[in-house]
Structures are given as structure tokens and as C-alpha cells.
Amino acid sequence: MAAMRSVRYGVAAECSPAAPVIRETTSAESSKPKLLDRVRHAVRARHYSRRTEKAYVHWIKRYIFFHGKRHPGEMGAVEVTAFLTALAVRERVAASTQNQALNALLFLYRQILGVELPWLDDLVRAKRPQHLPTVLTRDEVRALLERLDGVPRVMALLLYGAAFDSWNAASCESRTSTSRRTRSRSATARAARTG
């Protein structure tokens, strides 16, 4: 990466006051990219999506602000554990949200800072919701199907009996109603022509 150059204008003793002297200076600090710029560059170099880049930068910023704007290079596994535990306990984030924050911090430490974090044993994990599948007995399904009429009944029979997914069933229903309207219009047009 090219070093940034700054130009200073000044007046030399041996020059006339009207002639400016140009001195070129380079700044070592300005040539080194900032931490979040390095993260963005590394994410793009690995062809991650823009949304992943945005999420990683977001979580890294939250992590830095959580620890009073300390540089991540000064922190380690203890601070990562404290941050992720606070997300789960105080903010009650979903498990997937906590995992996203964890992945962002692991990326920061492994890829940007070159530090391998020891496994985070003391980390309090966010709880995943337990979804119990709702299963109907054959008698319950039969009773449900008997109460339906018309197109909803046909769709339910297709979904249950032929293992169609809802998209296909809705698509079938849409095509059926479209063809009915088309037939109805053409029949009306024929009737009007024949008089």
C-alpha cells in the first residue's frame, strides 16, 4: 500500500517571502490501515458477502465499546467470554446471534490479529428454543380433512397424501382459478358473438 504524503508550505530563509517551499513528509501511522479497515479488507479478500462484512464489523465495534474502547490486541479469551456471556445473560440474544458475534470475534483474532484464542470453556451459551413437532394421529387428520370443502380440501389432500409442499399446492390453486377465469371469459365471449 502506498504511503500517504502530506505537503507542507513554508518559507525558507534563503528564498523570497513570496516563494513557498514544498517539503514532502510521510506518516508511518497514516500508512497503516485501521483495525476495522483491515477487517473489511480481509472479509472481501475471502469473498464473504457484504452482509457478513457488515455484521462482523458491527460485532467487533460492539465488543470494543463493551470493553471501554480498548484495542482487541490488548484483550483475549477472558474479555471475549465476558462479552459473549453478557450477550446471552443481560441482553438475552438468540443462540444464532451469539454465534454470529462469536464468529466475528474469532475471525478478528485469528485472521487479523493472528492470535489463536483458547477454547472458551466458561462461556455461557444462549439457549436454543426447543420446538416440539406437532404430529396429528390418523383419526385427527381424517377429522380435519372431513371438515374442509372445495379448493382448501383438495389442497389439504394434496399436501397430506402426495407430500406436496405448500408452494406447489398454492401454485396449483392459482393455475386452477386462472384457467376457470379464462374459460369463463371465453364462454361469455362466445355467447355474445352467437347472440
Protein backbone atom coordinates (compact mmCIF):
# COMPACT_ATOMS: atom_id res chain seq x y z
CA MET A 1 0.00 0.00 0.00
CA ALA A 2 1.39 3.42 -0.90
CA ALA A 3 2.26 5.71 1.96
CA MET A 4 0.15 8.83 2.28
CA ARG A 5 2.06 12.01 1.62
CA SER A 6 1.40 15.40 3.03
CA VAL A 7 2.74 18.61 1.61
CA ARG A 8 3.85 21.49 3.80
CA TYR A 9 4.23 25.01 2.61
CA GLY A 10 6.78 27.15 4.31
CA VAL A 11 9.18 29.96 3.69
CA ALA A 12 12.91 29.27 3.63
CA ALA A 13 15.36 31.89 4.85
CA GLU A 14 17.23 31.93 1.58
CA CYS A 15 14.09 32.27 -0.55
CA SER A 16 11.99 35.30 -1.02
CA PRO A 17 8.91 35.54 1.20
CA ALA A 18 6.67 35.11 -1.86
CA ALA A 19 8.17 31.75 -2.96
CA PRO A 20 6.77 28.81 -0.94
CA VAL A 21 8.99 25.85 -0.12
CA ILE A 22 7.42 22.45 -0.56
CA ARG A 23 8.55 19.64 1.74
CA GLU A 24 7.13 16.15 1.37
CA THR A 25 6.61 14.13 4.52
CA THR A 26 5.30 10.62 5.05
CA SER A 27 3.49 9.47 8.09
CA ALA A 28 4.00 5.86 9.22
CA GLU A 29 0.79 5.97 11.22
CA SER A 30 -1.33 7.12 8.30
CA SER A 31 0.05 4.36 6.05
CA LYS A 32 -1.08 1.58 8.38
CA PRO A 33 -4.80 0.80 7.90
CA LYS A 34 -7.08 0.96 10.89
CA LEU A 35 -8.33 -2.23 12.51
CA LEU A 36 -11.85 -2.17 11.03
CA ASP A 37 -10.45 -1.37 7.58
CA ARG A 38 -8.20 -4.41 7.90
CA VAL A 39 -11.25 -6.49 8.85
CA ARG A 40 -13.19 -5.21 5.83
CA HIS A 41 -10.26 -5.92 3.52
CA ALA A 42 -9.79 -9.47 4.89
CA VAL A 43 -13.51 -10.25 4.60
CA ARG A 44 -13.58 -9.01 0.99
CA ALA A 45 -10.40 -10.91 0.14
CA ARG A 46 -12.15 -14.11 1.25
CA HIS A 47 -15.21 -13.22 -0.89
CA TYR A 48 -17.63 -13.15 2.04
CA SER A 49 -20.92 -11.39 1.42
CA ARG A 50 -21.38 -7.68 2.17
CA ARG A 51 -23.91 -8.60 4.85
CA THR A 52 -21.30 -10.78 6.58
CA GLU A 53 -18.81 -7.93 6.39
CA LYS A 54 -21.33 -5.53 7.89
CA ALA A 55 -22.25 -7.99 10.66
CA TYR A 56 -18.61 -8.72 11.56
CA VAL A 57 -17.74 -5.03 11.73
CA HIS A 58 -20.84 -4.42 13.86
CA TRP A 59 -19.94 -7.14 16.39
CA ILE A 60 -16.31 -6.09 16.57
CA LYS A 61 -17.37 -2.49 17.27
CA ARG A 62 -19.79 -3.68 19.98
CA TYR A 63 -17.01 -5.76 21.52
CA ILE A 64 -14.61 -2.78 21.56
CA PHE A 65 -17.21 -0.44 23.07
CA PHE A 66 -18.26 -3.09 25.60
CA HIS A 67 -14.70 -3.04 26.96
CA GLY A 68 -14.35 0.74 27.09
CA LYS A 69 -12.72 1.23 23.66
CA ARG A 70 -9.74 -0.98 24.47
CA HIS A 71 -7.87 -2.35 21.47
CA PRO A 72 -8.63 -6.05 20.86
CA GLY A 73 -4.89 -6.74 20.73
CA GLU A 74 -4.75 -5.90 24.45
CA MET A 75 -7.56 -8.32 25.24
CA GLY A 76 -8.03 -12.08 24.97
CA ALA A 77 -10.24 -15.03 25.79
CA VAL A 78 -11.37 -13.62 29.15
CA GLU A 79 -12.77 -10.47 27.54
CA VAL A 80 -14.34 -12.42 24.66
CA THR A 81 -16.03 -14.72 27.18
CA ALA A 82 -17.28 -11.75 29.22
CA PHE A 83 -18.75 -10.07 26.12
CA LEU A 84 -20.46 -13.18 24.76
CA THR A 85 -21.79 -14.12 28.20
CA ALA A 86 -23.22 -10.61 28.62
CA LEU A 87 -24.99 -11.00 25.27
CA ALA A 88 -26.61 -14.23 26.45
CA VAL A 89 -27.40 -13.23 30.04
CA ARG A 90 -28.06 -9.48 30.07
CA GLU A 91 -29.29 -8.91 26.53
CA ARG A 92 -30.87 -12.35 26.14
CA VAL A 93 -29.93 -12.66 22.47
CA ALA A 94 -30.80 -15.74 20.45
CA ALA A 95 -28.24 -18.52 20.15
CA SER A 96 -27.71 -17.73 16.46
CA THR A 97 -26.98 -14.09 17.32
CA GLN A 98 -24.43 -15.09 19.92
CA ASN A 99 -22.84 -17.48 17.41
CA GLN A 100 -22.59 -14.69 14.86
CA ALA A 101 -20.82 -12.47 17.39
CA LEU A 102 -18.50 -15.35 18.32
CA ASN A 103 -17.63 -15.97 14.66
CA ALA A 104 -16.88 -12.28 14.13
CA LEU A 105 -14.53 -12.23 17.13
CA LEU A 106 -12.84 -15.48 16.13
CA PHE A 107 -12.29 -14.00 12.66
CA LEU A 108 -10.83 -10.86 14.21
CA TYR A 109 -8.41 -12.71 16.46
CA ARG A 110 -7.38 -15.47 14.02
CA GLN A 111 -7.27 -13.65 10.69
CA ILE A 112 -6.49 -10.04 11.62
CA LEU A 113 -4.54 -10.20 14.87
CA GLY A 114 -3.00 -13.65 14.33
CA VAL A 115 -3.95 -14.81 17.82
CA GLU A 116 -5.44 -18.24 18.45
CA LEU A 117 -7.89 -17.98 21.34
CA PRO A 118 -8.01 -20.92 23.74
CA TRP A 119 -11.37 -22.63 23.81
CA LEU A 120 -13.91 -20.55 25.66
CA ASP A 121 -14.93 -23.03 28.39
CA ASP A 122 -16.52 -20.52 30.73
CA LEU A 123 -18.80 -19.10 28.05
CA VAL A 124 -22.50 -19.05 28.95
CA ARG A 125 -24.29 -20.06 25.77
CA ALA A 126 -27.63 -18.62 24.72
CA LYS A 127 -30.34 -21.24 24.90
CA ARG A 128 -31.81 -22.57 21.69
CA PRO A 129 -35.60 -22.73 21.73
CA GLN A 130 -37.00 -26.23 21.82
CA HIS A 131 -39.63 -26.79 19.17
CA LEU A 132 -41.62 -29.96 19.52
CA PRO A 133 -43.10 -31.11 16.23
CA THR A 134 -46.86 -31.17 16.09
CA VAL A 135 -47.98 -34.54 14.79
CA LEU A 136 -51.61 -35.48 14.27
CA THR A 137 -52.93 -39.02 14.54
CA ARG A 138 -54.62 -40.60 11.53
CA ASP A 139 -58.04 -40.07 13.15
CA GLU A 140 -57.26 -36.37 13.76
CA VAL A 141 -56.15 -35.92 10.14
CA ARG A 142 -59.25 -37.70 8.87
CA ALA A 143 -61.49 -35.49 11.05
CA LEU A 144 -59.72 -32.36 9.85
CA LEU A 145 -59.98 -33.31 6.16
CA GLU A 146 -63.69 -34.16 6.53
CA ARG A 147 -64.41 -30.61 7.73
CA LEU A 148 -62.85 -28.99 4.65
CA ASP A 149 -64.68 -28.33 1.38
CA GLY A 150 -63.77 -27.24 -2.13
CA VAL A 151 -60.28 -25.98 -3.06
CA PRO A 152 -58.96 -25.96 0.55
CA ARG A 153 -59.91 -29.66 0.83
CA VAL A 154 -58.16 -30.53 -2.44
CA MET A 155 -55.07 -28.60 -1.37
CA ALA A 156 -55.04 -30.32 2.05
CA LEU A 157 -55.45 -33.75 0.44
CA LEU A 158 -52.60 -33.00 -1.93
CA LEU A 159 -50.39 -31.75 0.86
CA TYR A 160 -51.13 -34.69 3.11
CA GLY A 161 -51.45 -37.52 0.61
CA ALA A 162 -48.99 -36.67 -2.12
CA ALA A 163 -46.42 -34.86 0.07
CA PHE A 164 -46.67 -31.67 -1.96
CA ASP A 165 -45.17 -28.64 -0.40
CA SER A 166 -47.32 -25.58 0.15
CA TRP A 167 -45.73 -23.70 -2.76
CA ASN A 168 -46.78 -26.34 -5.27
CA ALA A 169 -50.25 -26.57 -3.80
CA ALA A 170 -50.72 -22.81 -3.87
CA SER A 171 -49.37 -22.76 -7.42
CA CYS A 172 -51.90 -25.44 -8.45
CA GLU A 173 -54.72 -23.47 -6.86
CA SER A 174 -53.59 -20.31 -8.63
CA ARG A 175 -53.44 -22.02 -12.02
CA THR A 176 -56.87 -23.60 -11.45
CA SER A 177 -58.54 -20.30 -10.65
CA THR A 178 -56.77 -18.60 -13.60
CA SER A 179 -57.94 -21.29 -16.05
CA ARG A 180 -61.50 -21.03 -14.66
CA ARG A 181 -61.50 -17.27 -15.28
CA THR A 182 -60.13 -17.78 -18.80
CA ARG A 183 -62.76 -20.41 -19.63
CA SER A 184 -65.46 -18.21 -18.16
CA ARG A 185 -64.38 -15.21 -20.26
CA SER A 186 -64.15 -17.23 -23.46
CA ALA A 187 -67.58 -18.77 -22.86
CA THR A 188 -69.02 -15.28 -22.26
CA ALA A 189 -67.37 -14.01 -25.45
CA ARG A 190 -68.73 -16.94 -27.49
CA ALA A 191 -72.21 -16.40 -26.11
CA ALA A 192 -72.04 -12.69 -27.01
CA ARG A 193 -70.95 -13.47 -30.60
CA THR A 194 -73.61 -16.09 -31.24
CA GLY A 195 -76.20 -13.81 -29.80
